[in-house]
Amino acid sequence: MISIDLSGKTILITGALGAIAEHMIRRLVESGATLVLTDIRAEEQAERILDDWQIPPSSYLYFAADITESSQVDRVVNSAFEKFPGMDTVIGHAGGCGLHPFASTSEADYERIFRFNYFAQTYLARAVLALWMQRKITGHLIFTSSYVARMPHTQIPAYSSAKAALENFARSLALEYALTGIRVNVVSPGNVAAGSSLKVFDEDPAYREFVLRVSLGRRNSPQSIADAFVFLCSPLAAEINGQVLSPDYGAGIGNRL
């Protein structure tokens, strides 16, 4: 059995208090990583949540921030690098949505969903890449996408469009920074039995039928998504760049007849 040891590695994760992030954090801490966590919730609330998840306080540093504000992203990234100057792995995990059909979604709400799922990731990338270039760190930036980036659904047009943009953005960055040694990859889960994926699955019968038809009749466990991140953070993935890793039970392949 291959054992992944991330001792000595520091990893920044946005959207750190979500349902899937819980399993990511557990797996990464179990592998020995030190984490810099950020989410919109206040520090006191975050500490209670992380305590409930049994995450040792010694294994993480937490910053409250709204990542849809670039100035707050800059603050978190700069503070993280002040504490961990050689940090070389960053996960842009924040994202999600509920059902929002185009016809009944206001212009402001549509833009808010897109900004959270796409533009916030560009803010993170801009802040992190600038410091990696300045410090000559061959870092690894990993984004969380979704299989709906390639298999769109009528009830989530802003979200699926944002994730499609994010995957293309990640590939573009991988090309642009390839000669520096910086890598950019994406984890693109299927329908996960946790978080916003679970919410949409429970609320929309048509989506539920679609998921069960295209993905071997199963939903992904959040643990399987966490394992994909641990793998990409490890030396085992050192030669992977510009790729979309899809732990999705084959949902991204297409419909079964």
C-alpha atoms as a PDB file:
ATOM      1  CA  MET A   1       0.000   0.000   0.000  1.00  0.00           C
ATOM      2  CA  ILE A   2       1.304   3.457  -0.932  1.00  0.00           C
ATOM      3  CA  SER A   3       1.459   5.856   2.000  1.00  0.00           C
ATOM      4  CA  ILE A   4       1.362   9.589   1.322  1.00  0.00           C
ATOM      5  CA  ASP A   5       3.410  11.689   3.722  1.00  0.00           C
ATOM      6  CA  LEU A   6       2.874  15.447   3.535  1.00  0.00           C
ATOM      7  CA  SER A   7       4.909  16.283   6.626  1.00  0.00           C
ATOM      8  CA  GLY A   8       6.632  19.629   6.227  1.00  0.00           C
ATOM      9  CA  LYS A   9       4.164  20.840   3.590  1.00  0.00           C
ATOM     10  CA  THR A  10       1.915  23.850   4.167  1.00  0.00           C
ATOM     11  CA  ILE A  11      -1.275  24.129   2.112  1.00  0.00           C
ATOM     12  CA  LEU A  12      -3.669  27.075   1.837  1.00  0.00           C
ATOM     13  CA  ILE A  13      -7.341  26.176   1.297  1.00  0.00           C
ATOM     14  CA  THR A  14     -10.192  28.572   0.537  1.00  0.00           C
ATOM     15  CA  GLY A  15     -13.776  27.573   1.278  1.00  0.00           C
ATOM     16  CA  ALA A  16     -12.372  25.616   4.185  1.00  0.00           C
ATOM     17  CA  LEU A  17     -15.528  25.171   6.243  1.00  0.00           C
ATOM     18  CA  GLY A  18     -17.705  23.475   3.642  1.00  0.00           C
ATOM     19  CA  ALA A  19     -19.009  19.923   3.710  1.00  0.00           C
ATOM     20  CA  ILE A  20     -16.441  18.519   1.261  1.00  0.00           C
ATOM     21  CA  ALA A  21     -13.645  20.620   2.767  1.00  0.00           C
ATOM     22  CA  GLU A  22     -14.167  18.835   6.084  1.00  0.00           C
ATOM     23  CA  HIS A  23     -12.971  15.593   4.524  1.00  0.00           C
ATOM     24  CA  MET A  24     -10.172  17.290   2.614  1.00  0.00           C
ATOM     25  CA  ILE A  25      -8.857  18.854   5.804  1.00  0.00           C
ATOM     26  CA  ARG A  26      -9.041  15.602   7.722  1.00  0.00           C
ATOM     27  CA  ARG A  27      -7.174  13.686   5.014  1.00  0.00           C
ATOM     28  CA  LEU A  28      -4.496  16.349   4.615  1.00  0.00           C
ATOM     29  CA  VAL A  29      -3.912  16.667   8.358  1.00  0.00           C
ATOM     30  CA  GLU A  30      -3.766  12.880   8.704  1.00  0.00           C
ATOM     31  CA  SER A  31      -1.069  12.949   6.006  1.00  0.00           C
ATOM     32  CA  GLY A  32       0.977  15.410   8.075  1.00  0.00           C
ATOM     33  CA  ALA A  33       0.276  18.713   6.314  1.00  0.00           C
ATOM     34  CA  THR A  34      -0.043  22.064   8.051  1.00  0.00           C
ATOM     35  CA  LEU A  35      -2.996  24.063   6.739  1.00  0.00           C
ATOM     36  CA  VAL A  36      -3.837  27.712   6.241  1.00  0.00           C
ATOM     37  CA  LEU A  37      -7.624  27.844   6.146  1.00  0.00           C
ATOM     38  CA  THR A  38      -9.922  30.633   5.060  1.00  0.00           C
ATOM     39  CA  ASP A  39     -13.686  30.980   4.883  1.00  0.00           C
ATOM     40  CA  ILE A  40     -16.227  33.751   5.328  1.00  0.00           C
ATOM     41  CA  ARG A  41     -17.187  32.699   8.857  1.00  0.00           C
ATOM     42  CA  ALA A  42     -15.779  34.473  11.906  1.00  0.00           C
ATOM     43  CA  GLU A  43     -12.752  33.023  13.643  1.00  0.00           C
ATOM     44  CA  GLU A  44     -14.668  31.948  16.759  1.00  0.00           C
ATOM     45  CA  GLN A  45     -17.228  30.046  14.717  1.00  0.00           C
ATOM     46  CA  ALA A  46     -14.529  28.482  12.593  1.00  0.00           C
ATOM     47  CA  GLU A  47     -12.683  27.248  15.656  1.00  0.00           C
ATOM     48  CA  ARG A  48     -15.856  25.593  16.950  1.00  0.00           C
ATOM     49  CA  ILE A  49     -16.456  23.883  13.617  1.00  0.00           C
ATOM     50  CA  LEU A  50     -12.876  22.666  13.324  1.00  0.00           C
ATOM     51  CA  ASP A  51     -12.990  21.452  16.907  1.00  0.00           C
ATOM     52  CA  ASP A  52     -16.155  19.472  16.093  1.00  0.00           C
ATOM     53  CA  TRP A  53     -14.249  17.962  13.159  1.00  0.00           C
ATOM     54  CA  GLN A  54     -11.479  17.037  15.626  1.00  0.00           C
ATOM     55  CA  ILE A  55      -8.837  19.039  13.763  1.00  0.00           C
ATOM     56  CA  PRO A  56      -5.953  19.828  16.164  1.00  0.00           C
ATOM     57  CA  PRO A  57      -5.430  23.602  16.563  1.00  0.00           C
ATOM     58  CA  SER A  58      -1.706  23.049  16.129  1.00  0.00           C
ATOM     59  CA  SER A  59      -2.282  21.836  12.555  1.00  0.00           C
ATOM     60  CA  TYR A  60      -3.893  24.968  11.104  1.00  0.00           C
ATOM     61  CA  LEU A  61      -3.999  28.743  10.928  1.00  0.00           C
ATOM     62  CA  TYR A  62      -7.377  30.344  10.153  1.00  0.00           C
ATOM     63  CA  PHE A  63      -8.297  33.655   8.490  1.00  0.00           C
ATOM     64  CA  ALA A  64     -11.845  34.939   8.031  1.00  0.00           C
ATOM     65  CA  ALA A  65     -12.324  36.517   4.605  1.00  0.00           C
ATOM     66  CA  ASP A  66     -14.808  37.140   1.831  1.00  0.00           C
ATOM     67  CA  ILE A  67     -12.940  35.868  -1.215  1.00  0.00           C
ATOM     68  CA  THR A  68     -15.193  37.760  -3.609  1.00  0.00           C
ATOM     69  CA  GLU A  69     -13.303  40.864  -2.443  1.00  0.00           C
ATOM     70  CA  SER A  70      -9.825  40.915  -3.975  1.00  0.00           C
ATOM     71  CA  SER A  71      -8.412  43.063  -1.163  1.00  0.00           C
ATOM     72  CA  GLN A  72      -9.414  40.435   1.395  1.00  0.00           C
ATOM     73  CA  VAL A  73      -7.846  37.686  -0.717  1.00  0.00           C
ATOM     74  CA  ASP A  74      -4.619  39.712  -0.892  1.00  0.00           C
ATOM     75  CA  ARG A  75      -4.666  40.134   2.889  1.00  0.00           C
ATOM     76  CA  VAL A  76      -5.052  36.405   3.540  1.00  0.00           C
ATOM     77  CA  VAL A  77      -2.424  35.383   1.003  1.00  0.00           C
ATOM     78  CA  ASN A  78       0.120  37.938   2.242  1.00  0.00           C
ATOM     79  CA  SER A  79      -0.489  36.950   5.874  1.00  0.00           C
ATOM     80  CA  ALA A  80      -0.126  33.262   5.012  1.00  0.00           C
ATOM     81  CA  PHE A  81       3.194  33.832   3.259  1.00  0.00           C
ATOM     82  CA  GLU A  82       4.473  35.950   6.127  1.00  0.00           C
ATOM     83  CA  LYS A  83       3.914  32.953   8.397  1.00  0.00           C
ATOM     84  CA  PHE A  84       4.976  30.304   5.864  1.00  0.00           C
ATOM     85  CA  PRO A  85       7.355  31.962   3.362  1.00  0.00           C
ATOM     86  CA  GLY A  86       7.971  28.786   1.369  1.00  0.00           C
ATOM     87  CA  MET A  87       4.358  27.648   1.021  1.00  0.00           C
ATOM     88  CA  ASP A  88       4.083  25.931  -2.353  1.00  0.00           C
ATOM     89  CA  THR A  89       0.555  24.476  -2.537  1.00  0.00           C
ATOM     90  CA  VAL A  90      -2.716  26.403  -2.707  1.00  0.00           C
ATOM     91  CA  ILE A  91      -6.218  24.991  -3.180  1.00  0.00           C
ATOM     92  CA  GLY A  92      -8.968  27.277  -4.468  1.00  0.00           C
ATOM     93  CA  HIS A  93     -11.876  25.240  -3.159  1.00  0.00           C
ATOM     94  CA  ALA A  94     -14.499  27.900  -2.399  1.00  0.00           C
ATOM     95  CA  GLY A  95     -17.627  27.689  -4.511  1.00  0.00           C
ATOM     96  CA  GLY A  96     -21.145  26.345  -4.694  1.00  0.00           C
ATOM     97  CA  CYS A  97     -24.722  27.375  -5.349  1.00  0.00           C
ATOM     98  CA  GLY A  98     -28.371  26.415  -5.048  1.00  0.00           C
ATOM     99  CA  LEU A  99     -30.826  26.093  -7.904  1.00  0.00           C
ATOM    100  CA  HIS A 100     -30.992  29.266 -10.028  1.00  0.00           C
ATOM    101  CA  PRO A 101     -32.791  28.909 -13.391  1.00  0.00           C
ATOM    102  CA  PHE A 102     -31.761  31.704 -15.728  1.00  0.00           C
ATOM    103  CA  ALA A 103     -35.271  33.079 -16.275  1.00  0.00           C
ATOM    104  CA  SER A 104     -35.971  33.522 -12.575  1.00  0.00           C
ATOM    105  CA  THR A 105     -32.497  34.591 -11.449  1.00  0.00           C
ATOM    106  CA  SER A 106     -31.880  38.322 -11.188  1.00  0.00           C
ATOM    107  CA  GLU A 107     -28.930  39.943 -12.902  1.00  0.00           C
ATOM    108  CA  ALA A 108     -27.370  40.683  -9.496  1.00  0.00           C
ATOM    109  CA  ASP A 109     -27.734  37.092  -8.257  1.00  0.00           C
ATOM    110  CA  TYR A 110     -26.376  35.665 -11.496  1.00  0.00           C
ATOM    111  CA  GLU A 111     -23.312  37.888 -11.266  1.00  0.00           C
ATOM    112  CA  ARG A 112     -22.869  37.057  -7.562  1.00  0.00           C
ATOM    113  CA  ILE A 113     -22.834  33.308  -8.258  1.00  0.00           C
ATOM    114  CA  PHE A 114     -20.433  33.710 -11.162  1.00  0.00           C
ATOM    115  CA  ARG A 115     -18.157  35.996  -9.172  1.00  0.00           C
ATOM    116  CA  PHE A 116     -17.973  33.560  -6.263  1.00  0.00           C
ATOM    117  CA  ASN A 117     -17.251  30.539  -8.442  1.00  0.00           C
ATOM    118  CA  TYR A 118     -14.972  32.127 -11.031  1.00  0.00           C
ATOM    119  CA  PHE A 119     -13.661  35.630 -10.391  1.00  0.00           C
ATOM    120  CA  ALA A 120     -12.805  34.858  -6.761  1.00  0.00           C
ATOM    121  CA  GLN A 121     -10.500  32.121  -8.061  1.00  0.00           C
ATOM    122  CA  THR A 122      -8.752  34.593 -10.350  1.00  0.00           C
ATOM    123  CA  TYR A 123      -8.160  36.881  -7.354  1.00  0.00           C
ATOM    124  CA  LEU A 124      -6.550  33.983  -5.511  1.00  0.00           C
ATOM    125  CA  ALA A 125      -4.421  33.024  -8.493  1.00  0.00           C
ATOM    126  CA  ARG A 126      -3.214  36.589  -9.050  1.00  0.00           C
ATOM    127  CA  ALA A 127      -2.153  37.015  -5.427  1.00  0.00           C
ATOM    128  CA  VAL A 128      -0.461  33.630  -5.110  1.00  0.00           C
ATOM    129  CA  LEU A 129       1.280  33.578  -8.472  1.00  0.00           C
ATOM    130  CA  ALA A 130       2.790  37.030  -7.904  1.00  0.00           C
ATOM    131  CA  LEU A 131       4.422  35.858  -4.673  1.00  0.00           C
ATOM    132  CA  TRP A 132       5.589  32.565  -6.166  1.00  0.00           C
ATOM    133  CA  MET A 133       7.211  34.419  -9.054  1.00  0.00           C
ATOM    134  CA  GLN A 134       8.787  36.963  -6.712  1.00  0.00           C
ATOM    135  CA  ARG A 135      10.184  34.223  -4.459  1.00  0.00           C
ATOM    136  CA  LYS A 136      11.002  31.763  -7.276  1.00  0.00           C
ATOM    137  CA  ILE A 137       8.776  29.084  -5.740  1.00  0.00           C
ATOM    138  CA  THR A 138       7.690  26.292  -8.068  1.00  0.00           C
ATOM    139  CA  GLY A 139       4.224  26.118  -6.598  1.00  0.00           C
ATOM    140  CA  HIS A 140       1.130  24.065  -7.318  1.00  0.00           C
ATOM    141  CA  LEU A 141      -2.275  25.751  -7.638  1.00  0.00           C
ATOM    142  CA  ILE A 142      -5.311  23.450  -7.544  1.00  0.00           C
ATOM    143  CA  PHE A 143      -8.897  24.502  -8.204  1.00  0.00           C
ATOM    144  CA  THR A 144     -12.160  22.729  -7.403  1.00  0.00           C
ATOM    145  CA  SER A 145     -14.504  22.523 -10.366  1.00  0.00           C
ATOM    146  CA  SER A 146     -17.486  20.259 -11.131  1.00  0.00           C
ATOM    147  CA  TYR A 147     -18.503  17.829 -13.818  1.00  0.00           C
ATOM    148  CA  VAL A 148     -21.276  20.283 -14.781  1.00  0.00           C
ATOM    149  CA  ALA A 149     -18.534  22.362 -16.408  1.00  0.00           C
ATOM    150  CA  ARG A 150     -18.787  19.796 -19.207  1.00  0.00           C
ATOM    151  CA  MET A 151     -22.287  18.398 -18.545  1.00  0.00           C
ATOM    152  CA  PRO A 152     -24.412  21.533 -17.983  1.00  0.00           C
ATOM    153  CA  HIS A 153     -27.761  21.452 -16.246  1.00  0.00           C
ATOM    154  CA  THR A 154     -30.640  23.829 -16.897  1.00  0.00           C
ATOM    155  CA  GLN A 155     -31.151  24.737 -13.234  1.00  0.00           C
ATOM    156  CA  ILE A 156     -27.622  26.022 -12.530  1.00  0.00           C
ATOM    157  CA  PRO A 157     -26.511  28.128 -15.527  1.00  0.00           C
ATOM    158  CA  ALA A 158     -24.293  30.620 -13.669  1.00  0.00           C
ATOM    159  CA  TYR A 159     -22.553  27.887 -11.682  1.00  0.00           C
ATOM    160  CA  SER A 160     -21.922  25.539 -14.600  1.00  0.00           C
ATOM    161  CA  SER A 161     -20.715  28.416 -16.793  1.00  0.00           C
ATOM    162  CA  ALA A 162     -18.383  29.638 -14.042  1.00  0.00           C
ATOM    163  CA  LYS A 163     -16.886  26.172 -13.606  1.00  0.00           C
ATOM    164  CA  ALA A 164     -16.386  25.830 -17.374  1.00  0.00           C
ATOM    165  CA  ALA A 165     -14.569  29.156 -17.338  1.00  0.00           C
ATOM    166  CA  LEU A 166     -12.500  28.047 -14.348  1.00  0.00           C
ATOM    167  CA  GLU A 167     -11.288  24.878 -16.056  1.00  0.00           C
ATOM    168  CA  ASN A 168     -10.243  26.829 -19.142  1.00  0.00           C
ATOM    169  CA  PHE A 169      -8.578  29.439 -16.927  1.00  0.00           C
ATOM    170  CA  ALA A 170      -6.598  26.732 -15.129  1.00  0.00           C
ATOM    171  CA  ARG A 171      -5.326  25.290 -18.401  1.00  0.00           C
ATOM    172  CA  SER A 172      -4.398  28.764 -19.609  1.00  0.00           C
ATOM    173  CA  LEU A 173      -2.391  29.404 -16.439  1.00  0.00           C
ATOM    174  CA  ALA A 174      -0.690  26.013 -16.738  1.00  0.00           C
ATOM    175  CA  LEU A 175       0.530  27.013 -20.191  1.00  0.00           C
ATOM    176  CA  GLU A 176       1.488  30.557 -19.226  1.00  0.00           C
ATOM    177  CA  TYR A 177       3.537  29.500 -16.192  1.00  0.00           C
ATOM    178  CA  ALA A 178       4.887  26.169 -17.452  1.00  0.00           C
ATOM    179  CA  LEU A 179       8.455  27.387 -17.934  1.00  0.00           C
ATOM    180  CA  THR A 180       8.584  28.689 -14.356  1.00  0.00           C
ATOM    181  CA  GLY A 181       7.889  25.245 -12.882  1.00  0.00           C
ATOM    182  CA  ILE A 182       4.552  26.402 -11.446  1.00  0.00           C
ATOM    183  CA  ARG A 183       1.743  23.899 -12.036  1.00  0.00           C
ATOM    184  CA  VAL A 184      -2.026  24.379 -12.178  1.00  0.00           C
ATOM    185  CA  ASN A 185      -4.532  21.528 -11.969  1.00  0.00           C
ATOM    186  CA  VAL A 186      -8.216  20.993 -11.278  1.00  0.00           C
ATOM    187  CA  VAL A 187     -10.271  18.468  -9.340  1.00  0.00           C
ATOM    188  CA  SER A 188     -13.694  18.095 -10.951  1.00  0.00           C
ATOM    189  CA  PRO A 189     -16.035  15.948  -8.831  1.00  0.00           C
ATOM    190  CA  GLY A 190     -19.328  14.466  -9.916  1.00  0.00           C
ATOM    191  CA  ASN A 191     -22.398  14.784  -7.734  1.00  0.00           C
ATOM    192  CA  VAL A 192     -21.060  14.528  -4.200  1.00  0.00           C
ATOM    193  CA  ALA A 193     -23.250  13.363  -1.337  1.00  0.00           C
ATOM    194  CA  ALA A 194     -22.420  16.539   0.601  1.00  0.00           C
ATOM    195  CA  GLY A 195     -22.624  20.308   0.318  1.00  0.00           C
ATOM    196  CA  SER A 196     -24.340  22.143  -2.528  1.00  0.00           C
ATOM    197  CA  SER A 197     -24.313  19.033  -4.735  1.00  0.00           C
ATOM    198  CA  LEU A 198     -26.417  17.236  -2.158  1.00  0.00           C
ATOM    199  CA  LYS A 199     -28.725  20.250  -1.860  1.00  0.00           C
ATOM    200  CA  VAL A 200     -29.433  20.338  -5.591  1.00  0.00           C
ATOM    201  CA  PHE A 201     -29.781  16.537  -5.722  1.00  0.00           C
ATOM    202  CA  ASP A 202     -32.390  16.635  -2.963  1.00  0.00           C
ATOM    203  CA  GLU A 203     -34.316  19.628  -4.335  1.00  0.00           C
ATOM    204  CA  ASP A 204     -34.577  18.855  -8.037  1.00  0.00           C
ATOM    205  CA  PRO A 205     -36.131  15.504  -9.151  1.00  0.00           C
ATOM    206  CA  ALA A 206     -34.988  16.026 -12.754  1.00  0.00           C
ATOM    207  CA  TYR A 207     -31.411  16.606 -11.668  1.00  0.00           C
ATOM    208  CA  ARG A 208     -31.576  13.598  -9.347  1.00  0.00           C
ATOM    209  CA  GLU A 209     -32.722  11.363 -12.195  1.00  0.00           C
ATOM    210  CA  PHE A 210     -30.008  12.799 -14.420  1.00  0.00           C
ATOM    211  CA  VAL A 211     -27.280  12.107 -11.838  1.00  0.00           C
ATOM    212  CA  LEU A 212     -28.373   8.539 -11.254  1.00  0.00           C
ATOM    213  CA  ARG A 213     -28.521   7.907 -15.000  1.00  0.00           C
ATOM    214  CA  VAL A 214     -25.092   9.275 -15.970  1.00  0.00           C
ATOM    215  CA  SER A 215     -22.868   8.229 -13.063  1.00  0.00           C
ATOM    216  CA  LEU A 216     -23.266   4.469 -12.670  1.00  0.00           C
ATOM    217  CA  GLY A 217     -26.272   5.134 -10.452  1.00  0.00           C
ATOM    218  CA  ARG A 218     -24.050   6.426  -7.662  1.00  0.00           C
ATOM    219  CA  ARG A 219     -22.989   9.664  -6.060  1.00  0.00           C
ATOM    220  CA  ASN A 220     -19.422  10.394  -5.067  1.00  0.00           C
ATOM    221  CA  SER A 221     -18.440  10.210  -1.436  1.00  0.00           C
ATOM    222  CA  PRO A 222     -16.722  13.340  -0.079  1.00  0.00           C
ATOM    223  CA  GLN A 223     -13.896  11.058   1.072  1.00  0.00           C
ATOM    224  CA  SER A 224     -13.115  10.125  -2.536  1.00  0.00           C
ATOM    225  CA  ILE A 225     -12.831  13.791  -3.469  1.00  0.00           C
ATOM    226  CA  ALA A 226     -10.533  14.389  -0.504  1.00  0.00           C
ATOM    227  CA  ASP A 227      -8.317  11.521  -1.680  1.00  0.00           C
ATOM    228  CA  ALA A 228      -7.966  13.176  -5.095  1.00  0.00           C
ATOM    229  CA  PHE A 229      -6.674  16.355  -3.437  1.00  0.00           C
ATOM    230  CA  VAL A 230      -4.244  14.440  -1.228  1.00  0.00           C
ATOM    231  CA  PHE A 231      -2.877  12.724  -4.327  1.00  0.00           C
ATOM    232  CA  LEU A 232      -2.407  16.001  -6.218  1.00  0.00           C
ATOM    233  CA  CYS A 233      -0.707  17.572  -3.195  1.00  0.00           C
ATOM    234  CA  SER A 234       1.750  14.682  -2.995  1.00  0.00           C
ATOM    235  CA  PRO A 235       4.990  13.927  -4.849  1.00  0.00           C
ATOM    236  CA  LEU A 236       3.085  11.210  -6.729  1.00  0.00           C
ATOM    237  CA  ALA A 237       1.491  13.964  -8.829  1.00  0.00           C
ATOM    238  CA  ALA A 238       4.711  15.913  -9.437  1.00  0.00           C
ATOM    239  CA  GLU A 239       4.509  15.535 -13.229  1.00  0.00           C
ATOM    240  CA  ILE A 240       0.814  16.385 -13.606  1.00  0.00           C
ATOM    241  CA  ASN A 241       0.059  19.841 -15.002  1.00  0.00           C
ATOM    242  CA  GLY A 242      -2.865  21.473 -16.766  1.00  0.00           C
ATOM    243  CA  GLN A 243      -5.147  18.525 -16.092  1.00  0.00           C
ATOM    244  CA  VAL A 244      -8.689  18.043 -14.842  1.00  0.00           C
ATOM    245  CA  LEU A 245      -8.829  15.082 -12.463  1.00  0.00           C
ATOM    246  CA  SER A 246     -12.416  13.811 -12.430  1.00  0.00           C
ATOM    247  CA  PRO A 247     -13.447  11.542  -9.545  1.00  0.00           C
ATOM    248  CA  ASP A 248     -17.022  11.466 -10.842  1.00  0.00           C
ATOM    249  CA  TYR A 249     -18.015   7.810 -11.396  1.00  0.00           C
ATOM    250  CA  GLY A 250     -17.848   8.550 -15.126  1.00  0.00           C
ATOM    251  CA  ALA A 251     -20.522  11.272 -15.027  1.00  0.00           C
ATOM    252  CA  GLY A 252     -18.448  13.426 -17.369  1.00  0.00           C
ATOM    253  CA  ILE A 253     -18.537  10.782 -20.106  1.00  0.00           C
ATOM    254  CA  GLY A 254     -22.178  11.381 -21.008  1.00  0.00           C
ATOM    255  CA  ASN A 255     -25.594   9.766 -20.785  1.00  0.00           C
ATOM    256  CA  ARG A 256     -26.223   6.062 -20.790  1.00  0.00           C
ATOM    257  CA  LEU A 257     -28.976   5.021 -23.188  1.00  0.00           C
END
